[in-house]
C-alpha cells in the first residue's frame, strides 16, 4: 500500500517497536534494514536516543507526537531532517505504532564517524 508513496514510511508494532515494514523511499534514506527485529536493534547506528524515547512515549500514552526538522544521523549516511507524525496507538493495541517522513539534508561532518 505504501510502496509508491514518495515519502519514507515505516511501521512498527508492540512494546519493543518491532519493525514490520519499510517502504522503498524510507530504505533509500536509511539503507536496508532487517524487518522483524526491535527498532533499537535495527537502528543501533542511530545517533539520537530521542527517537526511541518518542516511540516509547506514543506507545505508553496513546497520544500522537509531532517532530519537525530534527536531524537524523545514521553511521555512514548523510544527515537528514526528519519530520515524524506517528499515529496514536494505545499500549494494549497490537496495531502498528509508528511512521516517519524523513527528508534529505546535506552531508554532515559527523556522518560516518564511529
PDB file of N, CA and C in Angstrom:
ATOM      1  N   UNK A   1       0.815  -1.193   0.000  1.00  0.00           N
ATOM      2  CA  UNK A   1       0.000   0.000   0.000  1.00  0.00           C
ATOM      3  C   UNK A   1       0.862   1.262   0.000  1.00  0.00           C
ATOM      4  N   UNK A   2       2.002   1.255   0.719  1.00  0.00           N
ATOM      5  CA  UNK A   2       2.850   2.440   0.815  1.00  0.00           C
ATOM      6  C   UNK A   2       4.052   2.398  -0.120  1.00  0.00           C
ATOM      7  N   UNK A   3       4.183   1.360  -0.913  1.00  0.00           N
ATOM      8  CA  UNK A   3       5.359   1.226  -1.763  1.00  0.00           C
ATOM      9  C   UNK A   3       5.540   2.396  -2.725  1.00  0.00           C
ATOM     10  N   UNK A   4       4.461   2.949  -3.250  1.00  0.00           N
ATOM     11  CA  UNK A   4       4.558   4.024  -4.237  1.00  0.00           C
ATOM     12  C   UNK A   4       4.538   5.421  -3.628  1.00  0.00           C
ATOM     13  N   UNK A   5       4.382   5.528  -2.322  1.00  0.00           N
ATOM     14  CA  UNK A   5       4.328   6.840  -1.660  1.00  0.00           C
ATOM     15  C   UNK A   5       5.714   7.482  -1.744  1.00  0.00           C
ATOM     16  N   UNK A   6       5.804   8.783  -2.105  1.00  0.00           N
ATOM     17  CA  UNK A   6       7.115   9.416  -2.293  1.00  0.00           C
ATOM     18  C   UNK A   6       7.807   9.864  -1.003  1.00  0.00           C
ATOM     19  N   UNK A   7       7.288   9.513   0.160  1.00  0.00           N
ATOM     20  CA  UNK A   7       7.923   9.830   1.441  1.00  0.00           C
ATOM     21  C   UNK A   7       8.228   8.527   2.169  1.00  0.00           C
ATOM     22  N   UNK A   8       9.178   8.582   3.075  1.00  0.00           N
ATOM     23  CA  UNK A   8       9.535   7.400   3.833  1.00  0.00           C
ATOM     24  C   UNK A   8       8.463   7.005   4.821  1.00  0.00           C
ATOM     25  N   UNK A   9       8.116   5.728   4.838  1.00  0.00           N
ATOM     26  CA  UNK A   9       7.114   5.207   5.769  1.00  0.00           C
ATOM     27  C   UNK A   9       7.679   3.952   6.427  1.00  0.00           C
ATOM     28  N   UNK A  10       7.610   3.923   7.760  1.00  0.00           N
ATOM     29  CA  UNK A  10       7.959   2.707   8.486  1.00  0.00           C
ATOM     30  C   UNK A  10       6.787   2.346   9.376  1.00  0.00           C
ATOM     31  N   UNK A  11       6.652   1.050   9.652  1.00  0.00           N
ATOM     32  CA  UNK A  11       5.573   0.572  10.517  1.00  0.00           C
ATOM     33  C   UNK A  11       6.209  -0.312  11.579  1.00  0.00           C
ATOM     34  N   UNK A  12       5.846  -0.047  12.842  1.00  0.00           N
ATOM     35  CA  UNK A  12       6.339  -0.853  13.958  1.00  0.00           C
ATOM     36  C   UNK A  12       5.157  -1.408  14.731  1.00  0.00           C
ATOM     37  N   UNK A  13       5.437  -2.395  15.581  1.00  0.00           N
ATOM     38  CA  UNK A  13       4.378  -2.991  16.379  1.00  0.00           C
ATOM     39  C   UNK A  13       4.925  -3.421  17.733  1.00  0.00           C
ATOM     40  N   UNK A  14       4.096  -3.275  18.756  1.00  0.00           N
ATOM     41  CA  UNK A  14       4.429  -3.786  20.077  1.00  0.00           C
ATOM     42  C   UNK A  14       5.291  -2.877  20.919  1.00  0.00           C
ATOM     43  N   UNK A  15       5.438  -3.300  22.159  1.00  0.00           N
ATOM     44  CA  UNK A  15       6.172  -2.535  23.169  1.00  0.00           C
ATOM     45  C   UNK A  15       7.637  -2.317  22.784  1.00  0.00           C
ATOM     46  N   UNK A  16       8.231  -3.271  22.060  1.00  0.00           N
ATOM     47  CA  UNK A  16       9.631  -3.125  21.644  1.00  0.00           C
ATOM     48  C   UNK A  16       9.761  -2.494  20.259  1.00  0.00           C
ATOM     49  N   UNK A  17       8.630  -2.041  19.699  1.00  0.00           N
ATOM     50  CA  UNK A  17       8.617  -1.338  18.406  1.00  0.00           C
ATOM     51  C   UNK A  17       9.290  -2.186  17.324  1.00  0.00           C
ATOM     52  N   UNK A  18       8.810  -3.399  17.212  1.00  0.00           N
ATOM     53  CA  UNK A  18       9.346  -4.334  16.218  1.00  0.00           C
ATOM     54  C   UNK A  18       9.050  -3.785  14.820  1.00  0.00           C
ATOM     55  N   UNK A  19      10.080  -3.686  14.008  1.00  0.00           N
ATOM     56  CA  UNK A  19       9.949  -3.142  12.663  1.00  0.00           C
ATOM     57  C   UNK A  19       9.208  -4.141  11.782  1.00  0.00           C
ATOM     58  N   UNK A  20       8.087  -3.713  11.239  1.00  0.00           N
ATOM     59  CA  UNK A  20       7.235  -4.557  10.413  1.00  0.00           C
ATOM     60  C   UNK A  20       7.437  -4.261   8.928  1.00  0.00           C
ATOM     61  N   UNK A  21       7.637  -2.997   8.593  1.00  0.00           N
ATOM     62  CA  UNK A  21       7.653  -2.604   7.184  1.00  0.00           C
ATOM     63  C   UNK A  21       8.442  -1.316   6.990  1.00  0.00           C
ATOM     64  N   UNK A  22       9.187  -1.248   5.902  1.00  0.00           N
ATOM     65  CA  UNK A  22       9.835  -0.023   5.411  1.00  0.00           C
ATOM     66  C   UNK A  22       9.513   0.092   3.928  1.00  0.00           C
ATOM     67  N   UNK A  23       9.003   1.234   3.495  1.00  0.00           N
ATOM     68  CA  UNK A  23       8.747   1.377   2.063  1.00  0.00           C
ATOM     69  C   UNK A  23      10.052   1.739   1.340  1.00  0.00           C
ATOM     70  N   UNK A  24      10.080   1.655   0.020  1.00  0.00           N
ATOM     71  CA  UNK A  24      11.308   1.946  -0.729  1.00  0.00           C
ATOM     72  C   UNK A  24      11.884   3.338  -0.460  1.00  0.00           C
ATOM     73  N   UNK A  25      11.036   4.349  -0.290  1.00  0.00           N
ATOM     74  CA  UNK A  25      11.533   5.700  -0.016  1.00  0.00           C
ATOM     75  C   UNK A  25      12.267   5.750   1.321  1.00  0.00           C
ATOM     76  N   UNK A  26      11.767   5.045   2.322  1.00  0.00           N
ATOM     77  CA  UNK A  26      12.423   5.006   3.634  1.00  0.00           C
ATOM     78  C   UNK A  26      13.758   4.266   3.529  1.00  0.00           C
ATOM     79  N   UNK A  27      13.773   3.155   2.776  1.00  0.00           N
ATOM     80  CA  UNK A  27      15.013   2.401   2.588  1.00  0.00           C
ATOM     81  C   UNK A  27      16.075   3.249   1.896  1.00  0.00           C
ATOM     82  N   UNK A  28      15.651   4.098   0.963  1.00  0.00           N
ATOM     83  CA  UNK A  28      16.603   4.971   0.277  1.00  0.00           C
ATOM     84  C   UNK A  28      17.257   5.943   1.261  1.00  0.00           C
ATOM     85  N   UNK A  29      16.566   6.278   2.314  1.00  0.00           N
ATOM     86  CA  UNK A  29      17.076   7.210   3.316  1.00  0.00           C
ATOM     87  C   UNK A  29      17.959   6.506   4.344  1.00  0.00           C
ATOM     88  N   UNK A  30      17.505   5.377   4.863  1.00  0.00           N
ATOM     89  CA  UNK A  30      18.195   4.718   5.982  1.00  0.00           C
ATOM     90  C   UNK A  30      18.995   3.492   5.567  1.00  0.00           C
ATOM     91  N   UNK A  31      18.897   3.082   4.311  1.00  0.00           N
ATOM     92  CA  UNK A  31      19.569   1.872   3.865  1.00  0.00           C
ATOM     93  C   UNK A  31      18.723   0.649   4.164  1.00  0.00           C
ATOM     94  N   UNK A  32      19.199  -0.498   3.749  1.00  0.00           N
ATOM     95  CA  UNK A  32      18.469  -1.744   4.001  1.00  0.00           C
ATOM     96  C   UNK A  32      18.485  -2.045   5.492  1.00  0.00           C
ATOM     97  N   UNK A  33      17.336  -2.392   6.015  1.00  0.00           N
ATOM     98  CA  UNK A  33      17.188  -2.730   7.432  1.00  0.00           C
ATOM     99  C   UNK A  33      16.406  -4.022   7.538  1.00  0.00           C
ATOM    100  N   UNK A  34      16.702  -4.806   8.543  1.00  0.00           N
ATOM    101  CA  UNK A  34      16.065  -6.111   8.728  1.00  0.00           C
ATOM    102  C   UNK A  34      14.744  -5.963   9.474  1.00  0.00           C
ATOM    103  N   UNK A  35      13.668  -6.291   8.828  1.00  0.00           N
ATOM    104  CA  UNK A  35      12.349  -6.261   9.466  1.00  0.00           C
ATOM    105  C   UNK A  35      12.211  -7.461  10.408  1.00  0.00           C
ATOM    106  N   UNK A  36      11.300  -7.330  11.367  1.00  0.00           N
ATOM    107  CA  UNK A  36      11.048  -8.399  12.317  1.00  0.00           C
ATOM    108  C   UNK A  36      11.838  -8.267  13.601  1.00  0.00           C
ATOM    109  N   UNK A  37      12.693  -7.271  13.698  1.00  0.00           N
ATOM    110  CA  UNK A  37      13.533  -7.042  14.879  1.00  0.00           C
ATOM    111  C   UNK A  37      13.110  -5.733  15.550  1.00  0.00           C
ATOM    112  N   UNK A  38      13.398  -5.569  16.848  1.00  0.00           N
ATOM    113  CA  UNK A  38      13.087  -4.306  17.534  1.00  0.00           C
ATOM    114  C   UNK A  38      13.867  -3.129  16.927  1.00  0.00           C
ATOM    115  N   UNK A  39      13.245  -1.960  16.934  1.00  0.00           N
ATOM    116  CA  UNK A  39      13.859  -0.765  16.355  1.00  0.00           C
ATOM    117  C   UNK A  39      15.234  -0.470  16.952  1.00  0.00           C
ATOM    118  N   UNK A  40      15.410  -0.678  18.246  1.00  0.00           N
ATOM    119  CA  UNK A  40      16.701  -0.396  18.872  1.00  0.00           C
ATOM    120  C   UNK A  40      17.814  -1.279  18.298  1.00  0.00           C
ATOM    121  N   UNK A  41      17.483  -2.478  17.858  1.00  0.00           N
ATOM    122  CA  UNK A  41      18.462  -3.344  17.203  1.00  0.00           C
ATOM    123  C   UNK A  41      18.658  -2.937  15.749  1.00  0.00           C
ATOM    124  N   UNK A  42      17.552  -2.730  15.056  1.00  0.00           N
ATOM    125  CA  UNK A  42      17.592  -2.406  13.630  1.00  0.00           C
ATOM    126  C   UNK A  42      18.334  -1.095  13.391  1.00  0.00           C
ATOM    127  N   UNK A  43      18.138  -0.133  14.286  1.00  0.00           N
ATOM    128  CA  UNK A  43      18.773   1.180  14.155  1.00  0.00           C
ATOM    129  C   UNK A  43      19.799   1.400  15.261  1.00  0.00           C
ATOM    130  N   UNK A  44      20.628   0.398  15.505  1.00  0.00           N
ATOM    131  CA  UNK A  44      21.673   0.522  16.526  1.00  0.00           C
ATOM    132  C   UNK A  44      22.650   1.647  16.187  1.00  0.00           C
ATOM    133  N   UNK A  45      22.719   2.031  14.900  1.00  0.00           N
ATOM    134  CA  UNK A  45      23.618   3.105  14.481  1.00  0.00           C
ATOM    135  C   UNK A  45      22.977   4.489  14.552  1.00  0.00           C
ATOM    136  N   UNK A  46      21.745   4.575  15.034  1.00  0.00           N
ATOM    137  CA  UNK A  46      21.082   5.867  15.177  1.00  0.00           C
ATOM    138  C   UNK A  46      21.751   6.641  16.296  1.00  0.00           C
ATOM    139  N   UNK A  47      22.128   7.854  16.022  1.00  0.00           N
ATOM    140  CA  UNK A  47      22.902   8.640  16.968  1.00  0.00           C
ATOM    141  C   UNK A  47      22.048   9.583  17.813  1.00  0.00           C
ATOM    142  N   UNK A  48      20.815   9.242  18.041  1.00  0.00           N
ATOM    143  CA  UNK A  48      19.950  10.124  18.828  1.00  0.00           C
ATOM    144  C   UNK A  48      18.894   9.278  19.526  1.00  0.00           C
ATOM    145  N   UNK A  49      19.048   9.042  20.811  1.00  0.00           N
ATOM    146  CA  UNK A  49      18.130   8.208  21.597  1.00  0.00           C
ATOM    147  C   UNK A  49      16.722   8.808  21.650  1.00  0.00           C
ATOM    148  N   UNK A  50      16.575  10.085  21.327  1.00  0.00           N
ATOM    149  CA  UNK A  50      15.266  10.753  21.392  1.00  0.00           C
ATOM    150  C   UNK A  50      14.208  10.030  20.556  1.00  0.00           C
ATOM    151  N   UNK A  51      14.599   9.476  19.421  1.00  0.00           N
ATOM    152  CA  UNK A  51      13.630   8.798  18.568  1.00  0.00           C
ATOM    153  C   UNK A  51      13.009   7.605  19.281  1.00  0.00           C
ATOM    154  N   UNK A  52      13.824   6.834  19.972  1.00  0.00           N
ATOM    155  CA  UNK A  52      13.314   5.673  20.701  1.00  0.00           C
ATOM    156  C   UNK A  52      12.441   6.112  21.871  1.00  0.00           C
ATOM    157  N   UNK A  53      12.834   7.190  22.536  1.00  0.00           N
ATOM    158  CA  UNK A  53      12.037   7.713  23.649  1.00  0.00           C
ATOM    159  C   UNK A  53      10.660   8.162  23.155  1.00  0.00           C
ATOM    160  N   UNK A  54      10.602   8.745  21.971  1.00  0.00           N
ATOM    161  CA  UNK A  54       9.306   9.165  21.414  1.00  0.00           C
ATOM    162  C   UNK A  54       8.440   7.962  21.057  1.00  0.00           C
ATOM    163  N   UNK A  55       9.042   6.928  20.498  1.00  0.00           N
ATOM    164  CA  UNK A  55       8.276   5.705  20.229  1.00  0.00           C
ATOM    165  C   UNK A  55       7.704   5.143  21.526  1.00  0.00           C
ATOM    166  N   UNK A  56       8.524   5.110  22.576  1.00  0.00           N
ATOM    167  CA  UNK A  56       8.078   4.619  23.879  1.00  0.00           C
ATOM    168  C   UNK A  56       6.923   5.466  24.410  1.00  0.00           C
ATOM    169  N   UNK A  57       7.053   6.781  24.264  1.00  0.00           N
ATOM    170  CA  UNK A  57       6.021   7.705  24.754  1.00  0.00           C
ATOM    171  C   UNK A  57       4.693   7.485  24.037  1.00  0.00           C
ATOM    172  N   UNK A  58       4.720   7.381  22.720  1.00  0.00           N
ATOM    173  CA  UNK A  58       3.489   7.173  21.943  1.00  0.00           C
ATOM    174  C   UNK A  58       2.850   5.845  22.332  1.00  0.00           C
ATOM    175  N   UNK A  59       3.661   4.830  22.474  1.00  0.00           N
ATOM    176  CA  UNK A  59       3.134   3.514  22.830  1.00  0.00           C
ATOM    177  C   UNK A  59       2.502   3.538  24.230  1.00  0.00           C
ATOM    178  N   UNK A  60       3.166   4.182  25.185  1.00  0.00           N
ATOM    179  CA  UNK A  60       2.691   4.203  26.571  1.00  0.00           C
ATOM    180  C   UNK A  60       1.454   5.065  26.765  1.00  0.00           C
ATOM    181  N   UNK A  61       1.394   6.208  26.080  1.00  0.00           N
ATOM    182  CA  UNK A  61       0.301   7.157  26.318  1.00  0.00           C
ATOM    183  C   UNK A  61      -0.822   7.061  25.299  1.00  0.00           C
ATOM    184  N   UNK A  62      -0.523   6.551  24.104  1.00  0.00           N
ATOM    185  CA  UNK A  62      -1.519   6.528  23.043  1.00  0.00           C
ATOM    186  C   UNK A  62      -1.719   7.891  22.411  1.00  0.00           C
ATOM    187  N   UNK A  63      -0.887   8.858  22.793  1.00  0.00           N
ATOM    188  CA  UNK A  63      -1.002  10.217  22.253  1.00  0.00           C
ATOM    189  C   UNK A  63       0.039  10.442  21.173  1.00  0.00           C
ATOM    190  N   UNK A  64      -0.406  10.988  20.053  1.00  0.00           N
ATOM    191  CA  UNK A  64       0.499  11.280  18.942  1.00  0.00           C
ATOM    192  C   UNK A  64       1.457  12.399  19.323  1.00  0.00           C
ATOM    193  N   UNK A  65       2.641  12.370  18.746  1.00  0.00           N
ATOM    194  CA  UNK A  65       3.614  13.449  18.895  1.00  0.00           C
ATOM    195  C   UNK A  65       4.012  13.903  17.504  1.00  0.00           C
ATOM    196  N   UNK A  66       4.551  15.102  17.426  1.00  0.00           N
ATOM    197  CA  UNK A  66       4.996  15.635  16.142  1.00  0.00           C
ATOM    198  C   UNK A  66       6.425  16.137  16.302  1.00  0.00           C
ATOM    199  N   UNK A  67       7.280  15.738  15.401  1.00  0.00           N
ATOM    200  CA  UNK A  67       8.670  16.179  15.378  1.00  0.00           C
ATOM    201  C   UNK A  67       8.899  16.831  14.032  1.00  0.00           C
ATOM    202  N   UNK A  68       9.408  18.043  14.041  1.00  0.00           N
ATOM    203  CA  UNK A  68       9.642  18.748  12.782  1.00  0.00           C
ATOM    204  C   UNK A  68      11.111  19.102  12.634  1.00  0.00           C
ATOM    205  N   UNK A  69      11.665  18.779  11.488  1.00  0.00           N
ATOM    206  CA  UNK A  69      13.028  19.146  11.108  1.00  0.00           C
ATOM    207  C   UNK A  69      14.060  18.837  12.187  1.00  0.00           C
ATOM    208  N   UNK A  70      14.062  17.598  12.649  1.00  0.00           N
ATOM    209  CA  UNK A  70      15.056  17.117  13.591  1.00  0.00           C
ATOM    210  C   UNK A  70      16.106  16.340  12.816  1.00  0.00           C
ATOM    211  N   UNK A  71      17.398  16.583  13.064  1.00  0.00           N
ATOM    212  CA  UNK A  71      18.431  15.836  12.334  1.00  0.00           C
ATOM    213  C   UNK A  71      18.343  14.338  12.598  1.00  0.00           C
ATOM    214  N   UNK A  72      18.471  13.568  11.543  1.00  0.00           N
ATOM    215  CA  UNK A  72      18.528  12.115  11.622  1.00  0.00           C
ATOM    216  C   UNK A  72      19.949  11.725  11.248  1.00  0.00           C
ATOM    217  N   UNK A  73      20.680  11.163  12.205  1.00  0.00           N
ATOM    218  CA  UNK A  73      22.085  10.807  11.976  1.00  0.00           C
ATOM    219  C   UNK A  73      22.264   9.301  12.105  1.00  0.00           C
ATOM    220  N   UNK A  74      22.661   8.675  11.010  1.00  0.00           N
ATOM    221  CA  UNK A  74      22.970   7.247  10.982  1.00  0.00           C
ATOM    222  C   UNK A  74      24.419   7.095  10.543  1.00  0.00           C
ATOM    223  N   UNK A  75      25.139   6.175  11.148  1.00  0.00           N
ATOM    224  CA  UNK A  75      26.543   5.961  10.802  1.00  0.00           C
ATOM    225  C   UNK A  75      26.708   5.724   9.310  1.00  0.00           C
ATOM    226  N   UNK A  76      27.645   6.431   8.709  1.00  0.00           N
ATOM    227  CA  UNK A  76      27.966   6.219   7.305  1.00  0.00           C
ATOM    228  C   UNK A  76      26.964   6.760   6.310  1.00  0.00           C
ATOM    229  N   UNK A  77      25.987   7.560   6.751  1.00  0.00           N
ATOM    230  CA  UNK A  77      24.952   8.089   5.849  1.00  0.00           C
ATOM    231  C   UNK A  77      24.904   9.600   5.986  1.00  0.00           C
ATOM    232  N   UNK A  78      24.347  10.251   4.960  1.00  0.00           N
ATOM    233  CA  UNK A  78      24.141  11.689   5.034  1.00  0.00           C
ATOM    234  C   UNK A  78      23.175  12.020   6.159  1.00  0.00           C
ATOM    235  N   UNK A  79      23.393  13.146   6.804  1.00  0.00           N
ATOM    236  CA  UNK A  79      22.430  13.634   7.784  1.00  0.00           C
ATOM    237  C   UNK A  79      21.184  14.090   7.041  1.00  0.00           C
ATOM    238  N   UNK A  80      20.039  13.847   7.640  1.00  0.00           N
ATOM    239  CA  UNK A  80      18.770  14.248   7.029  1.00  0.00           C
ATOM    240  C   UNK A  80      17.900  14.903   8.076  1.00  0.00           C
ATOM    241  N   UNK A  81      16.977  15.733   7.609  1.00  0.00           N
ATOM    242  CA  UNK A  81      15.984  16.291   8.514  1.00  0.00           C
ATOM    243  C   UNK A  81      14.805  15.344   8.555  1.00  0.00           C
ATOM    244  N   UNK A  82      14.287  15.110   9.735  1.00  0.00           N
ATOM    245  CA  UNK A  82      13.203  14.155   9.915  1.00  0.00           C
ATOM    246  C   UNK A  82      11.976  14.867  10.456  1.00  0.00           C
ATOM    247  N   UNK A  83      10.843  14.674   9.792  1.00  0.00           N
ATOM    248  CA  UNK A  83       9.551  15.091  10.307  1.00  0.00           C
ATOM    249  C   UNK A  83       8.787  13.834  10.640  1.00  0.00           C
ATOM    250  N   UNK A  84       8.274  13.735  11.840  1.00  0.00           N
ATOM    251  CA  UNK A  84       7.732  12.462  12.305  1.00  0.00           C
ATOM    252  C   UNK A  84       6.384  12.633  12.968  1.00  0.00           C
ATOM    253  N   UNK A  85       5.277  12.334  12.290  1.00  0.00           N
ATOM    254  CA  UNK A  85       3.952  12.360  12.922  1.00  0.00           C
ATOM    255  C   UNK A  85       3.377  10.958  13.079  1.00  0.00           C
ATOM    256  N   UNK A  86       3.808  10.177  14.114  1.00  0.00           N
ATOM    257  CA  UNK A  86       3.243   8.834  14.253  1.00  0.00           C
ATOM    258  C   UNK A  86       1.776   8.864  14.646  1.00  0.00           C
ATOM    259  N   UNK A  87       0.998   7.876  14.219  1.00  0.00           N
ATOM    260  CA  UNK A  87      -0.400   7.809  14.630  1.00  0.00           C
ATOM    261  C   UNK A  87      -0.510   7.420  16.093  1.00  0.00           C
ATOM    262  N   UNK A  88      -1.609   7.749  16.699  1.00  0.00           N
ATOM    263  CA  UNK A  88      -1.843   7.389  18.090  1.00  0.00           C
ATOM    264  C   UNK A  88      -2.088   5.893  18.195  1.00  0.00           C
ATOM    265  N   UNK A  89      -1.519   5.282  19.244  1.00  0.00           N
ATOM    266  CA  UNK A  89      -1.741   3.856  19.477  1.00  0.00           C
ATOM    267  C   UNK A  89      -1.692   3.590  20.970  1.00  0.00           C
ATOM    268  N   UNK A  90      -2.682   2.909  21.498  1.00  0.00           N
ATOM    269  CA  UNK A  90      -2.726   2.599  22.922  1.00  0.00           C
ATOM    270  C   UNK A  90      -1.748   1.505  23.283  1.00  0.00           C
ATOM    271  N   UNK A  91      -1.353   1.452  24.525  1.00  0.00           N
ATOM    272  CA  UNK A  91      -0.345   0.489  24.943  1.00  0.00           C
ATOM    273  C   UNK A  91      -0.842  -0.942  24.858  1.00  0.00           C
ATOM    274  N   UNK A  92      -2.154  -1.161  24.833  1.00  0.00           N
ATOM    275  CA  UNK A  92      -2.663  -2.516  24.724  1.00  0.00           C
ATOM    276  C   UNK A  92      -2.940  -2.922  23.286  1.00  0.00           C
ATOM    277  N   UNK A  93      -2.722  -1.994  22.364  1.00  0.00           N
ATOM    278  CA  UNK A  93      -3.027  -2.255  20.962  1.00  0.00           C
ATOM    279  C   UNK A  93      -1.892  -2.981  20.263  1.00  0.00           C
ATOM    280  N   UNK A  94      -2.187  -4.078  19.544  1.00  0.00           N
ATOM    281  CA  UNK A  94      -1.157  -4.741  18.770  1.00  0.00           C
ATOM    282  C   UNK A  94      -0.954  -4.094  17.404  1.00  0.00           C
ATOM    283  N   UNK A  95      -1.711  -3.036  17.131  1.00  0.00           N
ATOM    284  CA  UNK A  95      -1.644  -2.387  15.825  1.00  0.00           C
ATOM    285  C   UNK A  95      -0.295  -1.695  15.639  1.00  0.00           C
ATOM    286  N   UNK A  96       0.130  -1.481  14.389  1.00  0.00           N
ATOM    287  CA  UNK A  96       1.359  -0.746  14.123  1.00  0.00           C
ATOM    288  C   UNK A  96       1.337   0.606  14.801  1.00  0.00           C
ATOM    289  N   UNK A  97       2.507   1.077  15.277  1.00  0.00           N
ATOM    290  CA  UNK A  97       2.545   2.275  16.091  1.00  0.00           C
ATOM    291  C   UNK A  97       3.411   3.399  15.570  1.00  0.00           C
ATOM    292  N   UNK A  98       3.973   3.323  14.386  1.00  0.00           N
ATOM    293  CA  UNK A  98       4.849   4.414  14.001  1.00  0.00           C
ATOM    294  C   UNK A  98       4.924   4.656  12.516  1.00  0.00           C
ATOM    295  N   UNK A  99       5.314   5.865  12.157  1.00  0.00           N
ATOM    296  CA  UNK A  99       5.602   6.197  10.770  1.00  0.00           C
ATOM    297  C   UNK A  99       6.617   7.310  10.768  1.00  0.00           C
ATOM    298  N   UNK A 100       7.345   7.465   9.705  1.00  0.00           N
ATOM    299  CA  UNK A 100       8.331   8.523   9.623  1.00  0.00           C
ATOM    300  C   UNK A 100       8.326   9.136   8.251  1.00  0.00           C
ATOM    301  N   UNK A 101       8.733  10.404   8.177  1.00  0.00           N
ATOM    302  CA  UNK A 101       8.795  11.073   6.896  1.00  0.00           C
ATOM    303  C   UNK A 101      10.077  11.881   6.802  1.00  0.00           C
ATOM    304  N   UNK A 102      11.242  11.215   6.805  1.00  0.00           N
ATOM    305  CA  UNK A 102      12.487  11.963   6.709  1.00  0.00           C
ATOM    306  C   UNK A 102      12.677  12.583   5.335  1.00  0.00           C
ATOM    307  N   UNK A 103      13.366  13.699   5.277  1.00  0.00           N
ATOM    308  CA  UNK A 103      13.715  14.347   4.025  1.00  0.00           C
ATOM    309  C   UNK A 103      15.210  14.598   3.973  1.00  0.00           C
ATOM    310  N   UNK A 104      15.781  14.670   2.800  1.00  0.00           N
ATOM    311  CA  UNK A 104      17.231  14.802   2.643  1.00  0.00           C
ATOM    312  C   UNK A 104      17.730  16.161   3.130  1.00  0.00           C
ATOM    313  N   UNK A 105      18.886  16.139   3.794  1.00  0.00           N
ATOM    314  CA  UNK A 105      19.597  17.341   4.190  1.00  0.00           C
ATOM    315  C   UNK A 105      20.994  17.212   3.598  1.00  0.00           C
ATOM    316  N   UNK A 106      21.874  18.062   3.812  1.00  0.00           N
ATOM    317  CA  UNK A 106      23.224  17.941   3.269  1.00  0.00           C
ATOM    318  C   UNK A 106      24.072  16.939   4.019  1.00  0.00           C
ATOM    319  N   UNK A 107      25.285  16.747   3.578  1.00  0.00           N
ATOM    320  CA  UNK A 107      26.237  15.848   4.234  1.00  0.00           C
ATOM    321  C   UNK A 107      26.640  16.437   5.574  1.00  0.00           C
ATOM    322  N   UNK A 108      26.625  15.634   6.593  1.00  0.00           N
ATOM    323  CA  UNK A 108      27.009  16.082   7.921  1.00  0.00           C
ATOM    324  C   UNK A 108      28.476  15.820   8.156  1.00  0.00           C
ATOM    325  N   UNK A 109      29.118  16.702   8.897  1.00  0.00           N
ATOM    326  CA  UNK A 109      30.514  16.465   9.228  1.00  0.00           C
ATOM    327  C   UNK A 109      30.653  15.259  10.142  1.00  0.00           C
ATOM    328  N   UNK A 110      29.568  14.907  10.842  1.00  0.00           N
ATOM    329  CA  UNK A 110      29.586  13.751  11.745  1.00  0.00           C
ATOM    330  C   UNK A 110      29.238  12.459  11.022  1.00  0.00           C
ATOM    331  N   UNK A 111      28.728  12.545   9.813  1.00  0.00           N
ATOM    332  CA  UNK A 111      28.315  11.337   9.092  1.00  0.00           C
ATOM    333  C   UNK A 111      29.522  10.434   8.879  1.00  0.00           C
ATOM    334  N   UNK A 112      29.340   9.179   9.201  1.00  0.00           N
ATOM    335  CA  UNK A 112      30.392   8.201   9.014  1.00  0.00           C
ATOM    336  C   UNK A 112      31.359   8.126  10.182  1.00  0.00           C
ATOM    337  N   UNK A 113      31.251   9.043  11.120  1.00  0.00           N
ATOM    338  CA  UNK A 113      32.128   8.993  12.297  1.00  0.00           C
ATOM    339  C   UNK A 113      31.696   7.847  13.182  1.00  0.00           C
ATOM    340  N   UNK A 114      32.659   7.147  13.776  1.00  0.00           N
ATOM    341  CA  UNK A 114      32.366   5.989  14.606  1.00  0.00           C
ATOM    342  C   UNK A 114      31.786   6.385  15.878  1.00  0.00           C
TER     343      UNK A 114
END
